[in-house]
Amino acid sequence: MTKQQKLIDEFAEKARAVSTKVRVVDAMAEALEYAVTLCRDKEACQVLASGCEHPLSEPAEDLCGLKQWQKLIAAPAMDQKVLDALIPMCREAGIGLIQKGLGGYAGGIDVGLTGADLGISNTGSIVLNCPDEDLRLATMISEVHIAVLRAEDIYADSHDIEAALLALFTDAPDYTAFITGPSRTADIERVLSLGVHGPLEMHVLILGQSEKG
């Protein structure tokens, strides 16, 4: 077993321990198919509008009926080659695709599809440089966050990524996120809940070394 394969295996083990779903894919096309299929098969997001549970006038009932939206994938910062492949896949599945203005969809993004700059194997974390607001929002307000991570970008620990981080920090000011699993919180009774402050699910697709994406 190669050193890189050991890092991949450790990353997958640690990430799954914090409720991240991990899968190794051979090509970007497989990652896109994964994202579209997951979005197509999941329940659509619903806007939880306050008051819709009460008796309402006819116009108000019509407004509450808008809670069920078309399924959406947000794919900010994806290069044109990826988009050229993703657009027809979404169209065929009846899924909307957005890249900009994610703040206007705060209650209805099913899948946020992003890359990941680095992976840390001993914690199962990804590192994502997010200079663009829409990219940050895709990792925060989507019900499901899918990150595509190149196998060669997985490092053993936070010390090993120092040089790569310094390269990311050359343009300041900037925003870099360390993400470990889906959003989680616990109340005073120590009841753990997922998805309260961010995505309900976190998926990492490890792109094999045969393709750089």
N, C-alpha and C. Protein backbone atom coordinates (compact mmCIF):
# COMPACT_ATOMS: atom_id res chain seq x y z
N MET A 1 0.84 -1.20 0.00
CA MET A 1 0.00 0.00 0.00
C MET A 1 0.88 1.26 0.00
N THR A 2 0.59 2.20 -0.88
CA THR A 2 1.38 3.42 -0.96
C THR A 2 1.06 4.36 0.21
N LYS A 3 1.96 5.30 0.43
CA LYS A 3 1.74 6.29 1.48
C LYS A 3 0.46 7.08 1.22
N GLN A 4 0.23 7.46 -0.05
CA GLN A 4 -0.97 8.24 -0.36
C GLN A 4 -2.24 7.43 -0.12
N GLN A 5 -2.20 6.13 -0.43
CA GLN A 5 -3.37 5.30 -0.18
C GLN A 5 -3.66 5.19 1.31
N LYS A 6 -2.62 5.14 2.13
CA LYS A 6 -2.80 5.12 3.58
C LYS A 6 -3.47 6.41 4.06
N LEU A 7 -3.07 7.53 3.46
CA LEU A 7 -3.69 8.81 3.83
C LEU A 7 -5.16 8.84 3.43
N ILE A 8 -5.46 8.32 2.24
CA ILE A 8 -6.85 8.26 1.78
C ILE A 8 -7.68 7.40 2.73
N ASP A 9 -7.16 6.25 3.10
CA ASP A 9 -7.90 5.34 3.97
C ASP A 9 -8.12 5.96 5.35
N GLU A 10 -7.10 6.62 5.88
CA GLU A 10 -7.25 7.26 7.19
C GLU A 10 -8.24 8.41 7.11
N PHE A 11 -8.14 9.20 6.04
CA PHE A 11 -9.08 10.31 5.87
C PHE A 11 -10.52 9.78 5.87
N ALA A 12 -10.77 8.72 5.09
CA ALA A 12 -12.12 8.16 5.00
C ALA A 12 -12.60 7.66 6.36
N GLU A 13 -11.71 6.99 7.09
CA GLU A 13 -12.08 6.47 8.41
C GLU A 13 -12.44 7.59 9.38
N LYS A 14 -11.60 8.62 9.44
CA LYS A 14 -11.84 9.72 10.38
C LYS A 14 -13.06 10.55 9.96
N ALA A 15 -13.24 10.74 8.66
CA ALA A 15 -14.38 11.53 8.20
C ALA A 15 -15.69 10.80 8.48
N ARG A 16 -15.71 9.51 8.24
CA ARG A 16 -16.94 8.75 8.52
C ARG A 16 -17.27 8.74 10.00
N ALA A 17 -16.26 8.83 10.84
CA ALA A 17 -16.48 8.86 12.29
C ALA A 17 -17.23 10.11 12.73
N VAL A 18 -17.19 11.17 11.92
CA VAL A 18 -17.93 12.40 12.24
C VAL A 18 -19.08 12.62 11.26
N SER A 19 -19.61 11.51 10.75
CA SER A 19 -20.84 11.49 9.94
C SER A 19 -20.67 12.01 8.52
N THR A 20 -19.44 12.12 8.02
CA THR A 20 -19.23 12.47 6.62
C THR A 20 -19.33 11.20 5.77
N LYS A 21 -19.99 11.33 4.64
CA LYS A 21 -20.06 10.22 3.68
C LYS A 21 -18.90 10.38 2.70
N VAL A 22 -18.10 9.34 2.54
CA VAL A 22 -16.89 9.41 1.71
C VAL A 22 -16.97 8.37 0.61
N ARG A 23 -16.59 8.80 -0.58
CA ARG A 23 -16.56 7.87 -1.71
C ARG A 23 -15.39 8.25 -2.61
N VAL A 24 -14.68 7.26 -3.11
CA VAL A 24 -13.61 7.49 -4.08
C VAL A 24 -14.19 7.38 -5.48
N VAL A 25 -13.92 8.38 -6.32
CA VAL A 25 -14.42 8.38 -7.70
C VAL A 25 -13.23 8.45 -8.65
N ASP A 26 -13.41 7.88 -9.83
CA ASP A 26 -12.31 7.81 -10.78
C ASP A 26 -12.19 9.05 -11.65
N ALA A 27 -13.29 9.80 -11.80
CA ALA A 27 -13.29 10.94 -12.72
C ALA A 27 -14.31 11.97 -12.26
N MET A 28 -14.13 13.21 -12.72
CA MET A 28 -15.06 14.26 -12.36
C MET A 28 -16.47 13.94 -12.86
N ALA A 29 -16.58 13.28 -14.00
CA ALA A 29 -17.90 12.90 -14.52
C ALA A 29 -18.65 12.04 -13.51
N GLU A 30 -17.95 11.16 -12.84
CA GLU A 30 -18.58 10.31 -11.83
C GLU A 30 -19.03 11.13 -10.62
N ALA A 31 -18.24 12.13 -10.25
CA ALA A 31 -18.62 13.01 -9.15
C ALA A 31 -19.88 13.81 -9.49
N LEU A 32 -19.96 14.30 -10.71
CA LEU A 32 -21.15 15.05 -11.13
C LEU A 32 -22.38 14.17 -11.15
N GLU A 33 -22.24 12.96 -11.64
CA GLU A 33 -23.36 12.02 -11.66
C GLU A 33 -23.83 11.72 -10.25
N TYR A 34 -22.90 11.59 -9.33
CA TYR A 34 -23.22 11.36 -7.92
C TYR A 34 -24.06 12.52 -7.37
N ALA A 35 -23.63 13.75 -7.64
CA ALA A 35 -24.32 14.92 -7.12
C ALA A 35 -25.72 15.04 -7.70
N VAL A 36 -25.84 14.84 -9.00
CA VAL A 36 -27.15 14.97 -9.65
C VAL A 36 -28.10 13.88 -9.18
N THR A 37 -27.61 12.67 -9.06
CA THR A 37 -28.46 11.56 -8.60
C THR A 37 -28.92 11.77 -7.17
N LEU A 38 -28.00 12.21 -6.30
CA LEU A 38 -28.38 12.48 -4.92
C LEU A 38 -29.45 13.56 -4.84
N CYS A 39 -29.26 14.63 -5.60
CA CYS A 39 -30.23 15.73 -5.60
C CYS A 39 -31.58 15.27 -6.15
N ARG A 40 -31.56 14.51 -7.21
CA ARG A 40 -32.79 14.03 -7.83
C ARG A 40 -33.59 13.14 -6.89
N ASP A 41 -32.89 12.32 -6.11
CA ASP A 41 -33.57 11.32 -5.29
C ASP A 41 -33.94 11.80 -3.90
N LYS A 42 -33.40 12.94 -3.45
CA LYS A 42 -33.73 13.43 -2.12
C LYS A 42 -35.05 14.19 -2.13
N GLU A 43 -35.65 14.37 -0.96
CA GLU A 43 -36.82 15.21 -0.85
C GLU A 43 -36.42 16.66 -1.09
N ALA A 44 -37.27 17.40 -1.78
CA ALA A 44 -36.95 18.79 -2.07
C ALA A 44 -36.95 19.62 -0.79
N CYS A 45 -36.13 20.66 -0.78
CA CYS A 45 -36.13 21.59 0.35
C CYS A 45 -37.50 22.22 0.49
N GLN A 46 -37.87 22.50 1.72
CA GLN A 46 -39.10 23.24 1.98
C GLN A 46 -38.77 24.46 2.83
N VAL A 47 -39.35 25.59 2.44
CA VAL A 47 -39.18 26.80 3.24
C VAL A 47 -40.13 26.72 4.42
N LEU A 48 -39.60 26.78 5.62
CA LEU A 48 -40.43 26.67 6.82
C LEU A 48 -40.98 28.03 7.18
N ALA A 49 -42.06 28.42 6.50
CA ALA A 49 -42.65 29.75 6.70
C ALA A 49 -43.54 29.75 7.93
N SER A 50 -43.28 30.66 8.85
CA SER A 50 -44.06 30.74 10.07
C SER A 50 -45.51 31.12 9.77
N GLY A 51 -46.45 30.41 10.38
CA GLY A 51 -47.87 30.73 10.24
C GLY A 51 -48.61 29.85 9.26
N CYS A 52 -47.90 29.11 8.42
CA CYS A 52 -48.57 28.31 7.40
C CYS A 52 -49.35 27.14 7.99
N GLU A 53 -49.12 26.85 9.28
CA GLU A 53 -49.85 25.75 9.90
C GLU A 53 -51.24 26.18 10.38
N HIS A 54 -51.55 27.50 10.31
CA HIS A 54 -52.83 28.01 10.80
C HIS A 54 -53.83 28.19 9.65
N PRO A 55 -55.14 28.29 10.00
CA PRO A 55 -56.14 28.61 8.96
C PRO A 55 -55.79 29.94 8.28
N LEU A 56 -55.80 29.94 6.95
CA LEU A 56 -55.33 31.10 6.21
C LEU A 56 -56.33 31.51 5.14
N SER A 57 -56.22 32.76 4.72
CA SER A 57 -57.00 33.22 3.59
C SER A 57 -56.51 32.53 2.32
N GLU A 58 -57.29 32.60 1.25
CA GLU A 58 -56.90 31.94 0.00
C GLU A 58 -55.57 32.47 -0.54
N PRO A 59 -55.34 33.80 -0.57
CA PRO A 59 -54.05 34.29 -1.05
C PRO A 59 -52.88 33.80 -0.20
N ALA A 60 -53.10 33.73 1.12
CA ALA A 60 -52.03 33.28 2.00
C ALA A 60 -51.74 31.80 1.79
N GLU A 61 -52.79 31.02 1.55
CA GLU A 61 -52.58 29.60 1.28
C GLU A 61 -51.77 29.40 0.00
N ASP A 62 -52.06 30.25 -1.00
CA ASP A 62 -51.29 30.18 -2.24
C ASP A 62 -49.82 30.48 -1.99
N LEU A 63 -49.57 31.47 -1.12
CA LEU A 63 -48.19 31.83 -0.80
C LEU A 63 -47.49 30.69 -0.09
N CYS A 64 -48.16 30.05 0.86
CA CYS A 64 -47.55 28.93 1.57
C CYS A 64 -47.32 27.74 0.64
N GLY A 65 -48.11 27.67 -0.41
CA GLY A 65 -47.92 26.60 -1.37
C GLY A 65 -46.60 26.70 -2.12
N LEU A 66 -45.98 27.87 -2.05
CA LEU A 66 -44.69 28.06 -2.71
C LEU A 66 -43.54 27.45 -1.91
N LYS A 67 -43.85 26.88 -0.77
CA LYS A 67 -42.79 26.30 0.04
C LYS A 67 -42.05 25.18 -0.69
N GLN A 68 -42.77 24.49 -1.56
CA GLN A 68 -42.13 23.40 -2.31
C GLN A 68 -41.49 23.99 -3.55
N TRP A 69 -40.17 24.02 -3.60
CA TRP A 69 -39.45 24.63 -4.70
C TRP A 69 -38.86 23.56 -5.61
N GLN A 70 -38.49 24.01 -6.79
CA GLN A 70 -37.72 23.13 -7.67
C GLN A 70 -36.41 22.78 -6.98
N LYS A 71 -35.98 21.54 -7.17
CA LYS A 71 -34.70 21.15 -6.59
C LYS A 71 -33.58 21.94 -7.24
N LEU A 72 -32.60 22.29 -6.41
CA LEU A 72 -31.51 23.16 -6.87
C LEU A 72 -30.15 22.61 -6.48
N ILE A 73 -29.22 22.71 -7.41
CA ILE A 73 -27.80 22.50 -7.11
C ILE A 73 -27.10 23.84 -7.26
N ALA A 74 -26.33 24.21 -6.26
CA ALA A 74 -25.50 25.42 -6.34
C ALA A 74 -24.07 24.97 -6.60
N ALA A 75 -23.49 25.48 -7.66
CA ALA A 75 -22.13 25.08 -8.04
C ALA A 75 -21.28 26.31 -8.33
N PRO A 76 -21.03 27.15 -7.32
CA PRO A 76 -20.19 28.32 -7.55
C PRO A 76 -18.73 27.92 -7.72
N ALA A 77 -18.01 28.72 -8.45
CA ALA A 77 -16.56 28.56 -8.62
C ALA A 77 -16.16 27.32 -9.39
N MET A 78 -17.10 26.64 -10.04
CA MET A 78 -16.74 25.51 -10.89
C MET A 78 -16.27 26.03 -12.24
N ASP A 79 -15.25 25.41 -12.82
CA ASP A 79 -14.75 25.90 -14.09
C ASP A 79 -15.70 25.53 -15.22
N GLN A 80 -15.49 26.15 -16.37
CA GLN A 80 -16.44 26.03 -17.48
C GLN A 80 -16.53 24.60 -18.00
N LYS A 81 -15.42 23.88 -17.98
CA LYS A 81 -15.44 22.49 -18.45
C LYS A 81 -16.39 21.65 -17.61
N VAL A 82 -16.35 21.85 -16.30
CA VAL A 82 -17.25 21.12 -15.40
C VAL A 82 -18.69 21.54 -15.64
N LEU A 83 -18.92 22.83 -15.78
CA LEU A 83 -20.28 23.32 -16.00
C LEU A 83 -20.86 22.80 -17.31
N ASP A 84 -20.04 22.73 -18.34
CA ASP A 84 -20.52 22.23 -19.63
C ASP A 84 -21.02 20.79 -19.52
N ALA A 85 -20.45 20.03 -18.60
CA ALA A 85 -20.92 18.67 -18.37
C ALA A 85 -22.11 18.63 -17.43
N LEU A 86 -22.12 19.53 -16.44
CA LEU A 86 -23.15 19.50 -15.41
C LEU A 86 -24.49 20.06 -15.89
N ILE A 87 -24.46 21.09 -16.71
CA ILE A 87 -25.71 21.75 -17.13
C ILE A 87 -26.68 20.78 -17.80
N PRO A 88 -26.26 20.01 -18.81
CA PRO A 88 -27.23 19.09 -19.42
C PRO A 88 -27.68 17.97 -18.48
N MET A 89 -26.84 17.55 -17.56
CA MET A 89 -27.22 16.53 -16.59
C MET A 89 -28.34 17.05 -15.69
N CYS A 90 -28.20 18.29 -15.23
CA CYS A 90 -29.24 18.89 -14.39
C CYS A 90 -30.53 19.09 -15.17
N ARG A 91 -30.40 19.55 -16.41
CA ARG A 91 -31.58 19.78 -17.24
C ARG A 91 -32.37 18.49 -17.43
N GLU A 92 -31.66 17.41 -17.71
CA GLU A 92 -32.32 16.12 -17.94
C GLU A 92 -33.01 15.62 -16.67
N ALA A 93 -32.44 15.92 -15.50
CA ALA A 93 -33.01 15.47 -14.23
C ALA A 93 -34.06 16.43 -13.68
N GLY A 94 -34.29 17.56 -14.36
CA GLY A 94 -35.26 18.54 -13.89
C GLY A 94 -34.79 19.32 -12.68
N ILE A 95 -33.49 19.52 -12.57
CA ILE A 95 -32.88 20.20 -11.43
C ILE A 95 -32.38 21.57 -11.87
N GLY A 96 -32.66 22.59 -11.07
CA GLY A 96 -32.12 23.91 -11.34
C GLY A 96 -30.65 23.99 -10.94
N LEU A 97 -29.89 24.81 -11.67
CA LEU A 97 -28.47 24.97 -11.39
C LEU A 97 -28.17 26.46 -11.25
N ILE A 98 -27.58 26.86 -10.14
CA ILE A 98 -27.23 28.25 -9.92
C ILE A 98 -25.76 28.36 -9.55
N GLN A 99 -25.18 29.51 -9.88
CA GLN A 99 -23.78 29.78 -9.54
C GLN A 99 -23.61 31.04 -8.71
N LYS A 100 -24.51 31.99 -8.90
CA LYS A 100 -24.38 33.29 -8.25
C LYS A 100 -25.68 33.65 -7.54
N GLY A 101 -25.60 34.61 -6.62
CA GLY A 101 -26.79 35.07 -5.92
C GLY A 101 -27.39 34.06 -4.98
N LEU A 102 -26.53 33.24 -4.35
CA LEU A 102 -27.04 32.19 -3.48
C LEU A 102 -27.81 32.74 -2.28
N GLY A 103 -27.51 33.98 -1.90
CA GLY A 103 -28.22 34.56 -0.77
C GLY A 103 -29.70 34.68 -0.99
N GLY A 104 -30.14 34.70 -2.25
CA GLY A 104 -31.56 34.77 -2.56
C GLY A 104 -32.26 33.43 -2.48
N TYR A 105 -31.50 32.37 -2.20
CA TYR A 105 -32.07 31.02 -2.12
C TYR A 105 -31.79 30.40 -0.75
N ALA A 106 -31.79 31.23 0.28
CA ALA A 106 -31.33 30.78 1.60
C ALA A 106 -32.16 29.63 2.17
N GLY A 107 -33.39 29.46 1.71
CA GLY A 107 -34.21 28.38 2.24
C GLY A 107 -34.41 27.24 1.28
N GLY A 108 -33.69 27.20 0.16
CA GLY A 108 -34.06 26.20 -0.82
C GLY A 108 -32.95 25.63 -1.68
N ILE A 109 -31.73 25.54 -1.20
CA ILE A 109 -30.66 24.91 -1.97
C ILE A 109 -30.50 23.47 -1.49
N ASP A 110 -30.74 22.53 -2.39
CA ASP A 110 -30.67 21.13 -2.00
C ASP A 110 -29.23 20.65 -1.87
N VAL A 111 -28.41 20.95 -2.87
CA VAL A 111 -27.03 20.46 -2.88
C VAL A 111 -26.09 21.61 -3.22
N GLY A 112 -25.08 21.80 -2.40
CA GLY A 112 -23.99 22.71 -2.71
C GLY A 112 -22.80 21.88 -3.17
N LEU A 113 -22.37 22.09 -4.40
CA LEU A 113 -21.27 21.31 -4.98
C LEU A 113 -20.04 22.21 -5.09
N THR A 114 -18.99 21.84 -4.39
CA THR A 114 -17.77 22.65 -4.40
C THR A 114 -16.55 21.74 -4.56
N GLY A 115 -15.42 22.37 -4.77
CA GLY A 115 -14.17 21.66 -4.66
C GLY A 115 -13.68 21.72 -3.22
N ALA A 116 -12.53 21.14 -2.97
CA ALA A 116 -11.84 21.27 -1.68
C ALA A 116 -10.36 21.42 -2.01
N ASP A 117 -9.72 22.36 -1.36
CA ASP A 117 -8.31 22.62 -1.66
C ASP A 117 -7.39 21.60 -1.02
N LEU A 118 -7.72 21.19 0.20
CA LEU A 118 -6.85 20.28 0.96
C LEU A 118 -7.69 19.34 1.80
N GLY A 119 -7.11 18.20 2.16
CA GLY A 119 -7.72 17.30 3.10
C GLY A 119 -6.73 16.96 4.20
N ILE A 120 -7.21 16.77 5.42
CA ILE A 120 -6.37 16.43 6.56
C ILE A 120 -6.79 15.05 7.06
N SER A 121 -5.92 14.08 6.91
CA SER A 121 -6.34 12.70 7.14
C SER A 121 -6.58 12.37 8.60
N ASN A 122 -5.82 12.97 9.52
CA ASN A 122 -5.96 12.55 10.92
C ASN A 122 -7.18 13.15 11.61
N THR A 123 -7.90 14.03 10.92
CA THR A 123 -9.16 14.55 11.47
C THR A 123 -10.34 14.37 10.50
N GLY A 124 -10.06 13.94 9.27
CA GLY A 124 -11.13 13.82 8.29
C GLY A 124 -11.70 15.15 7.86
N SER A 125 -10.87 16.19 7.90
CA SER A 125 -11.31 17.55 7.58
C SER A 125 -10.94 17.93 6.15
N ILE A 126 -11.73 18.83 5.58
CA ILE A 126 -11.34 19.46 4.32
C ILE A 126 -11.04 20.93 4.58
N VAL A 127 -10.19 21.49 3.74
CA VAL A 127 -9.86 22.92 3.80
C VAL A 127 -10.31 23.52 2.49
N LEU A 128 -11.09 24.59 2.59
CA LEU A 128 -11.66 25.21 1.40
C LEU A 128 -11.42 26.71 1.44
N ASN A 129 -10.67 27.21 0.48
CA ASN A 129 -10.44 28.64 0.36
C ASN A 129 -11.67 29.27 -0.31
N CYS A 130 -12.28 30.24 0.37
CA CYS A 130 -13.57 30.80 -0.08
C CYS A 130 -13.51 32.31 -0.22
N PRO A 131 -12.79 32.84 -1.20
CA PRO A 131 -12.76 34.28 -1.36
C PRO A 131 -14.09 34.84 -1.85
N ASP A 132 -14.91 33.99 -2.45
CA ASP A 132 -16.18 34.42 -3.02
C ASP A 132 -17.34 34.12 -2.06
N GLU A 133 -18.22 35.09 -1.86
CA GLU A 133 -19.34 34.91 -0.92
C GLU A 133 -20.24 33.75 -1.31
N ASP A 134 -20.51 33.59 -2.61
CA ASP A 134 -21.37 32.50 -3.04
C ASP A 134 -20.76 31.14 -2.71
N LEU A 135 -19.46 31.03 -2.81
CA LEU A 135 -18.80 29.78 -2.45
C LEU A 135 -18.96 29.50 -0.96
N ARG A 136 -18.82 30.52 -0.14
CA ARG A 136 -19.02 30.34 1.30
C ARG A 136 -20.45 29.89 1.59
N LEU A 137 -21.41 30.54 0.93
CA LEU A 137 -22.81 30.20 1.18
C LEU A 137 -23.13 28.76 0.76
N ALA A 138 -22.50 28.29 -0.30
CA ALA A 138 -22.77 26.92 -0.75
C ALA A 138 -22.40 25.91 0.33
N THR A 139 -21.40 26.22 1.15
CA THR A 139 -20.98 25.31 2.21
C THR A 139 -21.81 25.48 3.48
N MET A 140 -22.64 26.53 3.52
CA MET A 140 -23.34 26.86 4.76
C MET A 140 -24.86 26.67 4.70
N ILE A 141 -25.49 27.02 3.56
CA ILE A 141 -26.94 27.04 3.53
C ILE A 141 -27.54 25.93 2.68
N SER A 142 -26.73 25.09 2.09
CA SER A 142 -27.26 23.94 1.34
C SER A 142 -27.64 22.84 2.33
N GLU A 143 -28.68 22.08 1.99
CA GLU A 143 -29.02 20.94 2.85
C GLU A 143 -27.94 19.88 2.81
N VAL A 144 -27.32 19.70 1.64
CA VAL A 144 -26.26 18.73 1.47
C VAL A 144 -25.06 19.44 0.84
N HIS A 145 -23.89 19.28 1.43
CA HIS A 145 -22.66 19.83 0.85
C HIS A 145 -21.83 18.68 0.31
N ILE A 146 -21.53 18.73 -0.98
CA ILE A 146 -20.67 17.74 -1.62
C ILE A 146 -19.38 18.44 -2.02
N ALA A 147 -18.26 17.95 -1.51
CA ALA A 147 -16.95 18.53 -1.84
C ALA A 147 -16.13 17.50 -2.60
N VAL A 148 -15.53 17.94 -3.69
CA VAL A 148 -14.66 17.07 -4.49
C VAL A 148 -13.21 17.37 -4.10
N LEU A 149 -12.53 16.35 -3.60
CA LEU A 149 -11.17 16.49 -3.08
C LEU A 149 -10.23 15.60 -3.87
N ARG A 150 -9.18 16.17 -4.44
CA ARG A 150 -8.19 15.35 -5.16
C ARG A 150 -7.39 14.51 -4.18
N ALA A 151 -7.17 13.26 -4.54
CA ALA A 151 -6.43 12.35 -3.66
C ALA A 151 -5.06 12.91 -3.31
N GLU A 152 -4.41 13.55 -4.26
CA GLU A 152 -3.05 14.05 -4.04
C GLU A 152 -3.01 15.26 -3.11
N ASP A 153 -4.18 15.82 -2.78
CA ASP A 153 -4.25 16.98 -1.89
C ASP A 153 -4.56 16.60 -0.45
N ILE A 154 -4.49 15.30 -0.14
CA ILE A 154 -4.71 14.85 1.23
C ILE A 154 -3.36 14.76 1.95
N TYR A 155 -3.29 15.40 3.12
CA TYR A 155 -2.07 15.42 3.92
C TYR A 155 -2.33 14.77 5.28
N ALA A 156 -1.26 14.42 5.96
CA ALA A 156 -1.39 13.67 7.20
C ALA A 156 -2.02 14.50 8.32
N ASP A 157 -1.56 15.74 8.50
CA ASP A 157 -2.05 16.54 9.62
C ASP A 157 -1.93 18.02 9.29
N SER A 158 -2.34 18.86 10.24
CA SER A 158 -2.36 20.30 10.00
C SER A 158 -0.96 20.88 9.82
N HIS A 159 0.06 20.24 10.38
CA HIS A 159 1.43 20.72 10.19
C HIS A 159 1.87 20.53 8.73
N ASP A 160 1.44 19.45 8.13
CA ASP A 160 1.88 19.14 6.76
C ASP A 160 1.27 20.06 5.71
N ILE A 161 0.19 20.76 6.06
CA ILE A 161 -0.44 21.63 5.06
C ILE A 161 0.06 23.07 5.15
N GLU A 162 1.07 23.32 6.00
CA GLU A 162 1.53 24.70 6.21
C GLU A 162 1.90 25.39 4.91
N ALA A 163 2.72 24.75 4.09
CA ALA A 163 3.17 25.39 2.86
C ALA A 163 2.00 25.65 1.92
N ALA A 164 1.07 24.69 1.83
CA ALA A 164 -0.10 24.86 0.96
C ALA A 164 -0.98 25.98 1.47
N LEU A 165 -1.12 26.10 2.78
CA LEU A 165 -1.92 27.20 3.35
C LEU A 165 -1.29 28.55 3.05
N LEU A 166 0.01 28.64 3.19
CA LEU A 166 0.69 29.90 2.91
C LEU A 166 0.47 30.32 1.46
N ALA A 167 0.42 29.34 0.56
CA ALA A 167 0.16 29.64 -0.85
C ALA A 167 -1.25 30.19 -1.04
N LEU A 168 -2.21 29.65 -0.26
CA LEU A 168 -3.59 30.15 -0.35
C LEU A 168 -3.72 31.55 0.21
N PHE A 169 -2.86 31.89 1.18
CA PHE A 169 -2.97 33.17 1.87
C PHE A 169 -2.22 34.30 1.18
N THR A 170 -1.78 34.10 -0.05
CA THR A 170 -1.02 35.14 -0.72
C THR A 170 -1.87 36.36 -1.07
N ASP A 171 -3.18 36.15 -1.27
CA ASP A 171 -4.09 37.26 -1.58
C ASP A 171 -4.94 37.55 -0.35
N ALA A 172 -4.66 38.66 0.30
CA ALA A 172 -5.41 39.03 1.50
C ALA A 172 -6.21 40.31 1.22
N PRO A 173 -7.36 40.52 1.90
CA PRO A 173 -7.96 39.62 2.88
C PRO A 173 -8.64 38.43 2.20
N ASP A 174 -8.81 37.37 2.97
CA ASP A 174 -9.35 36.15 2.40
C ASP A 174 -10.14 35.40 3.48
N TYR A 175 -10.73 34.28 3.07
CA TYR A 175 -11.53 33.47 3.99
C TYR A 175 -11.25 32.01 3.67
N THR A 176 -10.74 31.28 4.64
CA THR A 176 -10.46 29.86 4.46
C THR A 176 -11.16 29.07 5.55
N ALA A 177 -11.90 28.05 5.15
CA ALA A 177 -12.69 27.27 6.09
C ALA A 177 -12.09 25.88 6.28
N PHE A 178 -12.07 25.42 7.53
CA PHE A 178 -11.77 24.03 7.87
C PHE A 178 -13.11 23.38 8.21
N ILE A 179 -13.49 22.37 7.47
CA ILE A 179 -14.81 21.75 7.64
C ILE A 179 -14.63 20.29 8.02
N THR A 180 -15.22 19.92 9.15
CA THR A 180 -15.15 18.53 9.63
C THR A 180 -16.57 18.03 9.86
N GLY A 181 -17.10 17.30 8.90
CA GLY A 181 -18.44 16.74 9.04
C GLY A 181 -19.54 17.76 8.82
N PRO A 182 -20.80 17.31 8.87
CA PRO A 182 -21.94 18.22 8.74
C PRO A 182 -22.07 19.09 9.97
N SER A 183 -22.91 20.11 9.86
CA SER A 183 -23.17 21.00 10.99
C SER A 183 -23.74 20.19 12.16
N ARG A 184 -23.24 20.47 13.36
CA ARG A 184 -23.77 19.75 14.52
C ARG A 184 -23.82 20.69 15.72
N THR A 185 -24.78 20.47 16.58
CA THR A 185 -24.89 21.24 17.81
C THR A 185 -25.58 20.37 18.85
N ALA A 186 -25.44 20.73 20.12
CA ALA A 186 -26.09 19.99 21.19
C ALA A 186 -26.74 20.97 22.16
N ASP A 187 -27.91 20.59 22.68
CA ASP A 187 -28.58 21.47 23.64
C ASP A 187 -28.05 21.20 25.05
N ILE A 188 -28.66 21.84 26.02
CA ILE A 188 -28.17 21.74 27.40
C ILE A 188 -28.29 20.32 27.94
N GLU A 189 -29.18 19.51 27.33
CA GLU A 189 -29.34 18.12 27.75
C GLU A 189 -28.42 17.18 26.95
N ARG A 190 -27.52 17.75 26.16
CA ARG A 190 -26.53 17.01 25.40
C ARG A 190 -27.16 16.14 24.31
N VAL A 191 -28.26 16.61 23.76
CA VAL A 191 -28.88 15.92 22.63
C VAL A 191 -28.28 16.48 21.35
N LEU A 192 -27.59 15.64 20.60
CA LEU A 192 -26.89 16.09 19.40
C LEU A 192 -27.85 16.20 18.22
N SER A 193 -27.78 17.31 17.52
CA SER A 193 -28.60 17.52 16.32
C SER A 193 -27.69 17.92 15.16
N LEU A 194 -27.99 17.40 13.98
CA LEU A 194 -27.25 17.74 12.78
C LEU A 194 -28.05 18.72 11.93
N GLY A 195 -27.34 19.64 11.29
CA GLY A 195 -27.98 20.52 10.32
C GLY A 195 -28.64 21.76 10.88
N VAL A 196 -28.45 22.07 12.16
CA VAL A 196 -29.10 23.25 12.73
C VAL A 196 -28.48 24.53 12.20
N HIS A 197 -27.17 24.57 12.10
CA HIS A 197 -26.47 25.79 11.68
C HIS A 197 -25.77 25.64 10.34
N GLY A 198 -26.08 24.60 9.60
CA GLY A 198 -25.44 24.37 8.32
C GLY A 198 -25.99 23.10 7.68
N PRO A 199 -25.24 22.50 6.78
CA PRO A 199 -25.74 21.33 6.04
C PRO A 199 -26.12 20.15 6.94
N LEU A 200 -27.18 19.46 6.52
CA LEU A 200 -27.58 18.23 7.20
C LEU A 200 -26.62 17.08 6.90
N GLU A 201 -26.07 17.11 5.69
CA GLU A 201 -25.17 16.04 5.26
C GLU A 201 -23.91 16.63 4.64
N MET A 202 -22.80 15.93 4.86
CA MET A 202 -21.53 16.29 4.25
C MET A 202 -21.03 15.08 3.47
N HIS A 203 -20.73 15.27 2.20
CA HIS A 203 -20.19 14.21 1.37
C HIS A 203 -18.84 14.67 0.82
N VAL A 204 -17.84 13.82 0.88
CA VAL A 204 -16.54 14.11 0.26
C VAL A 204 -16.28 13.04 -0.80
N LEU A 205 -16.10 13.49 -2.02
CA LEU A 205 -15.77 12.60 -3.13
C LEU A 205 -14.29 12.74 -3.42
N ILE A 206 -13.54 11.70 -3.18
CA ILE A 206 -12.09 11.74 -3.38
C ILE A 206 -11.80 11.37 -4.83
N LEU A 207 -11.30 12.34 -5.55
CA LEU A 207 -11.03 12.16 -6.98
C LEU A 207 -9.70 11.45 -7.16
N GLY A 208 -9.74 10.29 -7.80
CA GLY A 208 -8.56 9.47 -7.96
C GLY A 208 -7.42 10.21 -8.64
N GLN A 209 -6.22 9.72 -8.45
CA GLN A 209 -5.04 10.42 -8.93
C GLN A 209 -4.93 10.38 -10.45
N SER A 210 -5.81 9.62 -11.11
CA SER A 210 -5.77 9.55 -12.57
C SER A 210 -6.34 10.79 -13.23
N GLU A 211 -7.13 11.59 -12.45
CA GLU A 211 -7.71 12.79 -13.05
C GLU A 211 -7.63 13.92 -12.04
N LYS A 212 -7.23 15.08 -12.48
CA LYS A 212 -7.08 16.23 -11.60
C LYS A 212 -8.32 17.10 -11.55
N GLY A 213 -9.33 16.84 -12.35
CA GLY A 213 -10.58 17.59 -12.29
C GLY A 213 -10.56 18.83 -13.14
